[in-house]
Protein backbone atom coordinates (compact mmCIF):
# COMPACT_ATOMS: atom_id res chain seq x y z
CA VAL A 1 -7.66 6.07 -1.77
CA VAL A 2 -5.69 5.70 1.45
CA MET A 3 -2.38 7.47 1.92
CA ARG A 4 0.19 4.98 3.21
CA ASN A 5 3.58 6.64 2.93
CA PHE A 6 5.43 9.82 2.10
CA ASP A 7 9.06 9.74 0.96
CA GLU A 8 10.54 13.16 1.69
CA ASP A 9 13.70 12.51 -0.34
CA GLY A 10 11.94 11.70 -3.60
CA PHE A 11 8.75 13.57 -2.71
CA VAL A 12 6.71 10.44 -3.41
CA ILE A 13 3.27 9.92 -1.89
CA THR A 14 2.12 6.31 -1.79
CA VAL A 15 -1.62 5.68 -1.81
CA TYR A 16 -3.62 2.47 -2.05
CA THR A 17 -6.92 1.77 -3.74
CA ASP A 18 -8.82 -1.35 -4.76
CA LYS A 19 -7.51 -2.51 -8.16
CA ARG A 20 -11.12 -3.18 -9.21
CA SER A 21 -12.08 0.47 -8.74
CA LYS A 22 -12.85 2.81 -11.61
CA LYS A 23 -9.95 5.00 -10.48
CA VAL A 24 -7.46 2.44 -11.75
CA LEU A 25 -8.88 2.58 -15.28
CA GLN A 26 -8.96 6.36 -15.13
CA LEU A 27 -5.30 6.50 -14.05
CA LYS A 28 -4.30 4.20 -16.88
CA GLU A 29 -6.00 6.61 -19.31
CA ASN A 30 -4.62 9.74 -17.66
CA PRO A 31 -1.92 9.42 -14.95
CA ASN A 32 -1.99 13.14 -14.00
CA VAL A 33 -3.17 13.50 -10.41
CA SER A 34 -3.68 16.08 -7.72
CA ALA A 35 -4.46 15.90 -4.01
CA LEU A 36 -5.73 18.51 -1.63
CA PHE A 37 -4.71 18.50 2.03
CA PHE A 38 -6.20 20.78 4.68
CA ASP A 39 -4.85 21.60 8.14
CA PRO A 40 -7.71 23.02 10.23
CA GLU A 41 -5.36 24.18 12.98
CA TRP A 42 -3.27 26.30 10.60
CA LEU A 43 -6.24 27.02 8.28
CA THR A 44 -4.00 26.07 5.38
CA GLN A 45 -4.62 24.12 2.21
CA LEU A 46 -1.92 22.39 0.24
CA ARG A 47 -2.51 21.15 -3.29
CA VAL A 48 -0.05 18.63 -4.71
CA GLU A 49 0.11 17.70 -8.40
CA GLY A 50 2.00 14.86 -9.99
CA VAL A 51 2.01 11.81 -12.19
CA ALA A 52 0.68 8.47 -10.88
CA HIS A 53 2.48 5.16 -11.23
CA LEU A 54 0.39 2.03 -10.85
CA GLU A 55 2.47 -0.70 -9.28
CA GLU A 56 1.58 -3.98 -10.94
CA ASP A 57 4.56 -6.17 -10.02
CA GLU A 58 3.08 -8.95 -7.88
CA LYS A 59 6.29 -9.48 -5.89
CA THR A 60 6.52 -5.78 -4.99
CA LEU A 61 2.81 -5.63 -4.16
CA SER A 62 3.02 -8.71 -1.94
CA LYS A 63 6.04 -7.35 -0.08
CA THR A 64 4.35 -3.98 0.43
CA TRP A 65 1.04 -5.52 1.48
CA ASN A 66 2.77 -7.65 4.13
CA THR A 67 4.26 -4.55 5.80
CA ILE A 68 0.85 -2.99 6.50
CA SER A 69 -0.18 -3.21 10.16
């Protein structure tokens, strides 16, 4: 997955993956997720847990895809 955005207000992390990947099927079966971030300068790890939402609306996906540089 590739992290694309972080919304501080809603604490939403947006990540992208290929819709053909096995991860998509796994998330449909179990949407509970976690991510581990590490800052080598601070020697700190941060683990975030949440529930995934797979965006499947073609209009929303197209709009989002067109904003990627």
